[in-house]
C-alpha cells in the first residue's frame, strides 16, 4: 500500500497531545510492545507505562506514556493515556535528579513516608529518563 498512513491521536485527561499522520506506531501494550502498520486489524489494547514510538518518513517521535488504552480501527490509532510526555520536552537532568530524589526517599524508610507515592514517583522518573534516552541520536523533528 504505497502512500498508506495511519492517523495517530494521543489524548490525556488534561488535553489532546498529538494528532498526525504517521507510517507506523509501536505501543507499550500490557503484554509486550505492539507494532501497528496501515491495514492493521481492529484492536483494543491495554497500555502499561512505557515508551510509545511513531515513525513518519525519517521522523521518529518518542513519548513517555503512563498507562491507559489504545484503539486501532480503520487506519487510526487512538491512544487514551493517563499521561503522555514528548521525549524532546523532557528535561533529562531534572529526570535524573527526580530518580535520585525518589530513590533517596525510599532508602530513608522514614515512618511518615507514603511508600506507594514514593514508588510511583520513582516509576514516573525512570520512565521519563528512559524516554529521553530513547530519542534517536539525531534531533527528531516536531510535527
N, C-alpha and C. Protein backbone atom coordinates (compact mmCIF):
# COMPACT_ATOMS: atom_id res chain seq x y z
N UNK A 1 0.83 -1.19 0.00
CA UNK A 1 0.00 0.00 0.00
C UNK A 1 0.87 1.25 0.00
N UNK A 2 1.48 1.61 -1.12
CA UNK A 2 2.30 2.81 -1.15
C UNK A 2 1.47 4.04 -0.78
N UNK A 3 2.06 4.90 0.03
CA UNK A 3 1.37 6.13 0.40
C UNK A 3 0.37 5.96 1.54
N UNK A 4 0.16 4.71 1.99
CA UNK A 4 -0.79 4.49 3.08
C UNK A 4 -0.20 5.03 4.37
N UNK A 5 -1.08 5.52 5.24
CA UNK A 5 -0.61 6.02 6.53
C UNK A 5 -1.66 5.75 7.59
N UNK A 6 -1.23 5.97 8.81
CA UNK A 6 -2.11 5.87 9.97
C UNK A 6 -2.36 7.26 10.52
N UNK A 7 -3.48 7.44 11.13
CA UNK A 7 -3.75 8.68 11.88
C UNK A 7 -3.51 8.33 13.34
N UNK A 8 -2.55 9.00 13.96
CA UNK A 8 -2.23 8.77 15.37
C UNK A 8 -2.78 9.93 16.18
N UNK A 9 -3.56 9.59 17.20
CA UNK A 9 -4.12 10.59 18.10
C UNK A 9 -3.76 10.16 19.52
N UNK A 10 -3.17 11.08 20.29
CA UNK A 10 -2.84 10.80 21.69
C UNK A 10 -3.58 11.82 22.53
N UNK A 11 -4.39 11.31 23.46
CA UNK A 11 -5.22 12.17 24.31
C UNK A 11 -4.98 11.79 25.77
N UNK A 12 -4.83 12.81 26.62
CA UNK A 12 -4.75 12.59 28.07
C UNK A 12 -5.97 13.26 28.70
N UNK A 13 -6.23 13.01 29.97
CA UNK A 13 -7.37 13.68 30.61
C UNK A 13 -7.26 15.21 30.57
N UNK A 14 -6.04 15.73 30.53
CA UNK A 14 -5.85 17.18 30.53
C UNK A 14 -6.07 17.81 29.16
N UNK A 15 -5.60 17.11 28.07
CA UNK A 15 -5.64 17.74 26.75
C UNK A 15 -5.27 16.75 25.66
N UNK A 16 -5.64 17.07 24.43
CA UNK A 16 -5.09 16.31 23.30
C UNK A 16 -3.59 16.61 23.20
N UNK A 17 -2.77 15.59 22.99
CA UNK A 17 -1.33 15.77 22.98
C UNK A 17 -0.77 15.77 21.56
N UNK A 18 -1.34 14.94 20.68
CA UNK A 18 -0.80 14.81 19.33
C UNK A 18 -1.89 14.33 18.39
N UNK A 19 -1.86 14.83 17.18
CA UNK A 19 -2.70 14.30 16.10
C UNK A 19 -1.92 14.49 14.82
N UNK A 20 -1.53 13.37 14.17
CA UNK A 20 -0.77 13.48 12.93
C UNK A 20 -0.81 12.17 12.17
N UNK A 21 -0.52 12.26 10.89
CA UNK A 21 -0.40 11.07 10.04
C UNK A 21 1.00 10.50 10.22
N UNK A 22 1.08 9.19 10.39
CA UNK A 22 2.36 8.51 10.60
C UNK A 22 2.41 7.23 9.77
N UNK A 23 3.62 6.68 9.62
CA UNK A 23 3.79 5.43 8.88
C UNK A 23 3.59 4.20 9.77
N UNK A 24 4.01 4.32 11.05
CA UNK A 24 3.90 3.18 11.96
C UNK A 24 3.89 3.68 13.40
N UNK A 25 3.38 2.83 14.29
CA UNK A 25 3.32 3.14 15.71
C UNK A 25 3.74 1.89 16.48
N UNK A 26 4.53 2.08 17.54
CA UNK A 26 4.87 0.99 18.47
C UNK A 26 4.29 1.38 19.82
N UNK A 27 3.40 0.53 20.34
CA UNK A 27 2.69 0.81 21.59
C UNK A 27 3.23 -0.03 22.74
N UNK A 28 3.27 0.53 23.96
CA UNK A 28 3.65 -0.27 25.13
C UNK A 28 2.46 -1.06 25.66
N UNK A 29 2.07 -2.11 24.94
CA UNK A 29 0.92 -2.91 25.32
C UNK A 29 1.21 -3.66 26.62
N UNK A 30 0.16 -4.02 27.33
CA UNK A 30 0.29 -4.66 28.63
C UNK A 30 1.16 -5.91 28.57
N UNK A 31 1.04 -6.69 27.49
CA UNK A 31 1.78 -7.95 27.40
C UNK A 31 2.97 -7.88 26.44
N UNK A 32 3.45 -6.67 26.15
CA UNK A 32 4.62 -6.51 25.29
C UNK A 32 4.40 -5.44 24.24
N UNK A 33 5.46 -5.05 23.58
CA UNK A 33 5.34 -4.00 22.56
C UNK A 33 4.50 -4.49 21.38
N UNK A 34 3.65 -3.61 20.88
CA UNK A 34 2.77 -3.95 19.76
C UNK A 34 3.00 -2.96 18.64
N UNK A 35 3.36 -3.47 17.47
CA UNK A 35 3.56 -2.63 16.30
C UNK A 35 2.28 -2.51 15.50
N UNK A 36 2.02 -1.32 14.96
CA UNK A 36 0.83 -1.09 14.15
C UNK A 36 1.25 -0.43 12.84
N UNK A 37 0.83 -1.04 11.74
CA UNK A 37 1.06 -0.51 10.40
C UNK A 37 -0.30 -0.28 9.73
N UNK A 38 -0.35 0.48 8.64
CA UNK A 38 -1.63 0.65 7.94
C UNK A 38 -2.22 -0.72 7.58
N UNK A 39 -3.53 -0.84 7.69
CA UNK A 39 -4.22 -2.09 7.39
C UNK A 39 -4.29 -3.05 8.56
N UNK A 40 -3.81 -2.64 9.75
CA UNK A 40 -3.83 -3.49 10.94
C UNK A 40 -5.27 -3.83 11.30
N UNK A 41 -5.47 -5.03 11.82
CA UNK A 41 -6.80 -5.45 12.28
C UNK A 41 -7.24 -4.57 13.45
N UNK A 42 -8.54 -4.43 13.59
CA UNK A 42 -9.09 -3.66 14.71
C UNK A 42 -8.66 -4.30 16.03
N UNK A 43 -8.34 -3.46 17.00
CA UNK A 43 -7.90 -3.98 18.29
C UNK A 43 -8.15 -2.94 19.38
N UNK A 44 -8.37 -3.43 20.58
CA UNK A 44 -8.45 -2.59 21.78
C UNK A 44 -7.36 -3.13 22.71
N UNK A 45 -6.42 -2.27 23.09
CA UNK A 45 -5.23 -2.71 23.79
C UNK A 45 -5.04 -1.94 25.08
N UNK A 46 -4.84 -2.66 26.18
CA UNK A 46 -4.50 -2.01 27.45
C UNK A 46 -3.02 -1.66 27.40
N UNK A 47 -2.69 -0.43 27.83
CA UNK A 47 -1.30 0.03 27.83
C UNK A 47 -0.71 -0.01 29.23
N UNK A 48 0.57 -0.30 29.30
CA UNK A 48 1.32 -0.20 30.56
C UNK A 48 2.16 1.07 30.47
N UNK A 49 2.83 1.41 31.54
CA UNK A 49 3.77 2.52 31.48
C UNK A 49 4.88 2.10 30.53
N UNK A 50 5.23 2.99 29.62
CA UNK A 50 6.29 2.63 28.69
C UNK A 50 6.50 3.68 27.62
N UNK A 51 7.21 3.27 26.59
CA UNK A 51 7.60 4.16 25.50
C UNK A 51 6.72 3.89 24.29
N UNK A 52 6.11 4.95 23.77
CA UNK A 52 5.36 4.90 22.52
C UNK A 52 6.25 5.57 21.48
N UNK A 53 6.42 4.90 20.33
CA UNK A 53 7.21 5.46 19.24
C UNK A 53 6.35 5.53 17.99
N UNK A 54 6.59 6.56 17.18
CA UNK A 54 5.99 6.58 15.86
C UNK A 54 7.06 6.95 14.85
N UNK A 55 6.85 6.51 13.62
CA UNK A 55 7.73 6.89 12.51
C UNK A 55 6.88 7.52 11.44
N UNK A 56 7.45 8.55 10.85
CA UNK A 56 6.81 9.25 9.74
C UNK A 56 7.92 9.65 8.80
N UNK A 57 8.16 8.83 7.78
CA UNK A 57 9.31 9.08 6.91
C UNK A 57 10.57 8.94 7.74
N UNK A 58 11.41 9.98 7.72
CA UNK A 58 12.64 9.96 8.51
C UNK A 58 12.44 10.48 9.92
N UNK A 59 11.26 10.91 10.25
CA UNK A 59 10.97 11.49 11.56
C UNK A 59 10.54 10.39 12.53
N UNK A 60 11.13 10.39 13.73
CA UNK A 60 10.74 9.46 14.77
C UNK A 60 10.30 10.26 15.99
N UNK A 61 9.14 9.94 16.52
CA UNK A 61 8.65 10.59 17.74
C UNK A 61 8.63 9.59 18.88
N UNK A 62 8.97 10.06 20.07
CA UNK A 62 9.03 9.21 21.25
C UNK A 62 8.24 9.88 22.37
N UNK A 63 7.35 9.12 22.99
CA UNK A 63 6.55 9.61 24.12
C UNK A 63 6.72 8.69 25.31
N UNK A 64 6.75 9.26 26.51
CA UNK A 64 6.62 8.50 27.75
C UNK A 64 5.12 8.44 28.02
N UNK A 65 4.58 7.23 28.11
CA UNK A 65 3.14 7.04 28.31
C UNK A 65 2.90 6.33 29.63
N UNK A 66 2.02 6.91 30.44
CA UNK A 66 1.71 6.32 31.74
C UNK A 66 0.36 5.60 31.70
N UNK A 67 0.35 4.42 31.14
CA UNK A 67 -0.85 3.60 31.13
C UNK A 67 -1.99 4.16 30.30
N UNK A 68 -3.09 3.42 30.30
CA UNK A 68 -4.27 3.81 29.54
C UNK A 68 -4.67 2.69 28.60
N UNK A 69 -5.22 3.08 27.43
CA UNK A 69 -5.55 2.07 26.43
C UNK A 69 -5.46 2.69 25.05
N UNK A 70 -5.42 1.83 24.03
CA UNK A 70 -5.36 2.28 22.65
C UNK A 70 -6.38 1.50 21.84
N UNK A 71 -6.98 2.21 20.89
CA UNK A 71 -7.92 1.58 19.97
C UNK A 71 -7.35 1.72 18.57
N UNK A 72 -7.26 0.58 17.87
CA UNK A 72 -6.82 0.56 16.48
C UNK A 72 -8.06 0.23 15.65
N UNK A 73 -8.41 1.13 14.74
CA UNK A 73 -9.61 0.92 13.93
C UNK A 73 -9.51 1.75 12.66
N UNK A 74 -9.66 1.08 11.52
CA UNK A 74 -9.65 1.76 10.21
C UNK A 74 -8.49 2.73 10.04
N UNK A 75 -7.29 2.22 10.18
CA UNK A 75 -6.07 3.01 10.00
C UNK A 75 -5.98 4.23 10.91
N UNK A 76 -6.57 4.11 12.09
CA UNK A 76 -6.42 5.13 13.12
C UNK A 76 -5.99 4.44 14.40
N UNK A 77 -5.02 5.05 15.08
CA UNK A 77 -4.59 4.59 16.39
C UNK A 77 -4.92 5.71 17.36
N UNK A 78 -5.91 5.46 18.21
CA UNK A 78 -6.32 6.45 19.22
C UNK A 78 -5.80 5.97 20.57
N UNK A 79 -4.92 6.78 21.16
CA UNK A 79 -4.31 6.44 22.44
C UNK A 79 -4.93 7.33 23.51
N UNK A 80 -5.51 6.70 24.51
CA UNK A 80 -6.10 7.42 25.64
C UNK A 80 -5.22 7.10 26.85
N UNK A 81 -4.28 8.01 27.13
CA UNK A 81 -3.26 7.75 28.15
C UNK A 81 -3.56 8.53 29.42
N UNK A 82 -3.18 7.94 30.56
CA UNK A 82 -3.29 8.65 31.83
C UNK A 82 -2.41 9.89 31.80
N UNK A 83 -1.24 9.77 31.17
CA UNK A 83 -0.33 10.90 30.95
C UNK A 83 0.57 10.52 29.78
N UNK A 84 1.00 11.52 29.01
CA UNK A 84 1.92 11.30 27.90
C UNK A 84 2.78 12.54 27.75
N UNK A 85 4.08 12.31 27.61
CA UNK A 85 5.02 13.42 27.50
C UNK A 85 5.99 13.16 26.36
N UNK A 86 6.11 14.12 25.46
CA UNK A 86 7.03 14.03 24.34
C UNK A 86 8.46 14.03 24.89
N UNK A 87 9.25 13.05 24.47
CA UNK A 87 10.61 12.91 24.99
C UNK A 87 11.45 14.17 24.78
N UNK A 88 11.27 14.84 23.65
CA UNK A 88 12.03 16.07 23.38
C UNK A 88 11.78 17.14 24.42
N UNK A 89 10.62 17.10 25.07
CA UNK A 89 10.27 18.13 26.04
C UNK A 89 10.67 17.77 27.47
N UNK A 90 11.24 16.60 27.64
CA UNK A 90 11.66 16.15 28.97
C UNK A 90 13.03 16.72 29.27
N UNK A 91 13.18 17.29 30.44
CA UNK A 91 14.47 17.79 30.92
C UNK A 91 15.23 16.60 31.50
N UNK A 92 16.23 16.11 30.78
CA UNK A 92 16.97 14.93 31.19
C UNK A 92 17.63 15.07 32.55
N UNK A 93 18.20 16.23 32.82
CA UNK A 93 18.86 16.44 34.12
C UNK A 93 17.85 16.42 35.26
N UNK A 94 16.70 17.06 35.05
CA UNK A 94 15.65 17.04 36.08
C UNK A 94 15.15 15.62 36.29
N UNK A 95 15.00 14.85 35.22
CA UNK A 95 14.56 13.45 35.35
C UNK A 95 15.57 12.65 36.17
N UNK A 96 16.87 12.85 35.92
CA UNK A 96 17.90 12.16 36.71
C UNK A 96 17.82 12.56 38.18
N UNK A 97 17.63 13.85 38.43
CA UNK A 97 17.51 14.32 39.81
C UNK A 97 16.28 13.73 40.49
N UNK A 98 15.17 13.63 39.75
CA UNK A 98 13.94 13.05 40.30
C UNK A 98 14.13 11.58 40.64
N UNK A 99 14.90 10.86 39.82
CA UNK A 99 15.18 9.45 40.11
C UNK A 99 15.96 9.35 41.42
N UNK A 100 17.00 10.16 41.55
CA UNK A 100 17.83 10.13 42.77
C UNK A 100 17.02 10.52 44.00
N UNK A 101 16.19 11.54 43.86
CA UNK A 101 15.35 12.00 44.98
C UNK A 101 14.39 10.90 45.43
N UNK A 102 13.75 10.23 44.46
CA UNK A 102 12.81 9.16 44.80
C UNK A 102 13.54 7.97 45.43
N UNK A 103 14.72 7.63 44.90
CA UNK A 103 15.50 6.53 45.49
C UNK A 103 15.91 6.86 46.92
N UNK A 104 16.33 8.10 47.14
CA UNK A 104 16.73 8.52 48.49
C UNK A 104 15.55 8.46 49.45
N UNK A 105 14.40 8.90 48.99
CA UNK A 105 13.20 8.87 49.84
C UNK A 105 12.86 7.44 50.23
N UNK A 106 12.93 6.53 49.27
CA UNK A 106 12.62 5.13 49.57
C UNK A 106 13.67 4.52 50.50
N UNK A 107 14.93 4.88 50.31
CA UNK A 107 16.00 4.34 51.15
C UNK A 107 15.92 4.84 52.58
N UNK A 108 15.32 6.03 52.77
CA UNK A 108 15.27 6.63 54.12
C UNK A 108 14.37 5.85 55.07
N UNK A 109 13.38 5.17 54.51
CA UNK A 109 12.42 4.39 55.32
C UNK A 109 11.81 5.22 56.45
N UNK A 110 11.61 6.50 56.17
CA UNK A 110 11.00 7.39 57.16
C UNK A 110 9.60 6.87 57.50
N UNK A 111 9.22 6.84 58.79
CA UNK A 111 7.92 6.27 59.18
C UNK A 111 6.71 7.03 58.61
N UNK A 112 6.87 8.31 58.32
CA UNK A 112 5.75 9.09 57.77
C UNK A 112 5.69 9.04 56.25
N UNK A 113 6.64 8.36 55.62
CA UNK A 113 6.70 8.34 54.16
C UNK A 113 5.56 7.50 53.58
N UNK A 114 4.96 8.00 52.51
CA UNK A 114 3.97 7.25 51.75
C UNK A 114 4.74 6.41 50.73
N UNK A 115 4.94 5.15 51.03
CA UNK A 115 5.76 4.28 50.18
C UNK A 115 5.17 4.16 48.78
N UNK A 116 3.85 4.04 48.67
CA UNK A 116 3.22 3.92 47.35
C UNK A 116 3.50 5.17 46.51
N UNK A 117 3.39 6.35 47.13
CA UNK A 117 3.65 7.59 46.40
C UNK A 117 5.12 7.68 45.99
N UNK A 118 6.02 7.28 46.87
CA UNK A 118 7.45 7.32 46.55
C UNK A 118 7.78 6.34 45.42
N UNK A 119 7.19 5.15 45.45
CA UNK A 119 7.43 4.17 44.38
C UNK A 119 6.85 4.67 43.05
N UNK A 120 5.68 5.30 43.10
CA UNK A 120 5.07 5.86 41.89
C UNK A 120 5.94 6.97 41.32
N UNK A 121 6.47 7.83 42.19
CA UNK A 121 7.35 8.91 41.73
C UNK A 121 8.61 8.35 41.08
N UNK A 122 9.15 7.28 41.64
CA UNK A 122 10.33 6.65 41.06
C UNK A 122 10.00 6.06 39.69
N UNK A 123 8.86 5.40 39.57
CA UNK A 123 8.45 4.79 38.31
C UNK A 123 8.31 5.86 37.21
N UNK A 124 7.67 6.98 37.54
CA UNK A 124 7.49 8.06 36.57
C UNK A 124 8.84 8.66 36.18
N UNK A 125 9.70 8.91 37.15
CA UNK A 125 11.02 9.50 36.87
C UNK A 125 11.85 8.58 35.99
N UNK A 126 11.83 7.27 36.27
CA UNK A 126 12.58 6.32 35.45
C UNK A 126 12.04 6.26 34.02
N UNK A 127 10.73 6.30 33.88
CA UNK A 127 10.12 6.27 32.55
C UNK A 127 10.49 7.53 31.76
N UNK A 128 10.43 8.69 32.40
CA UNK A 128 10.80 9.94 31.73
C UNK A 128 12.25 9.89 31.27
N UNK A 129 13.14 9.37 32.11
CA UNK A 129 14.55 9.24 31.76
C UNK A 129 14.74 8.26 30.61
N UNK A 130 14.02 7.15 30.64
CA UNK A 130 14.09 6.16 29.56
C UNK A 130 13.62 6.76 28.24
N UNK A 131 12.54 7.54 28.28
CA UNK A 131 12.03 8.17 27.06
C UNK A 131 13.06 9.15 26.50
N UNK A 132 13.68 9.91 27.37
CA UNK A 132 14.67 10.90 26.93
C UNK A 132 15.84 10.20 26.26
N UNK A 133 16.29 9.09 26.81
CA UNK A 133 17.44 8.38 26.23
C UNK A 133 17.03 7.54 25.02
N UNK A 134 15.73 7.35 24.77
CA UNK A 134 15.26 6.57 23.63
C UNK A 134 15.20 7.40 22.35
N UNK A 135 15.40 8.71 22.47
CA UNK A 135 15.39 9.56 21.28
C UNK A 135 16.51 9.14 20.33
N UNK A 136 16.24 9.19 19.02
CA UNK A 136 17.32 8.91 18.07
C UNK A 136 18.46 9.90 18.28
N UNK A 137 19.65 9.52 17.92
CA UNK A 137 20.83 10.38 18.12
C UNK A 137 20.69 11.72 17.40
N UNK A 138 20.13 11.71 16.19
CA UNK A 138 19.90 13.00 15.53
C UNK A 138 18.64 13.59 16.12
N UNK A 139 18.49 14.89 16.02
CA UNK A 139 17.32 15.57 16.59
C UNK A 139 16.07 15.14 15.85
N UNK A 140 15.08 14.63 16.59
CA UNK A 140 13.79 14.29 15.99
C UNK A 140 13.06 15.59 15.71
N UNK A 141 12.28 15.61 14.64
CA UNK A 141 11.56 16.82 14.26
C UNK A 141 10.19 16.81 14.90
N UNK A 142 9.70 17.97 15.24
CA UNK A 142 8.35 18.11 15.81
C UNK A 142 7.36 18.20 14.68
N UNK A 143 6.16 17.64 14.91
CA UNK A 143 5.16 17.67 13.85
C UNK A 143 4.00 18.47 14.11
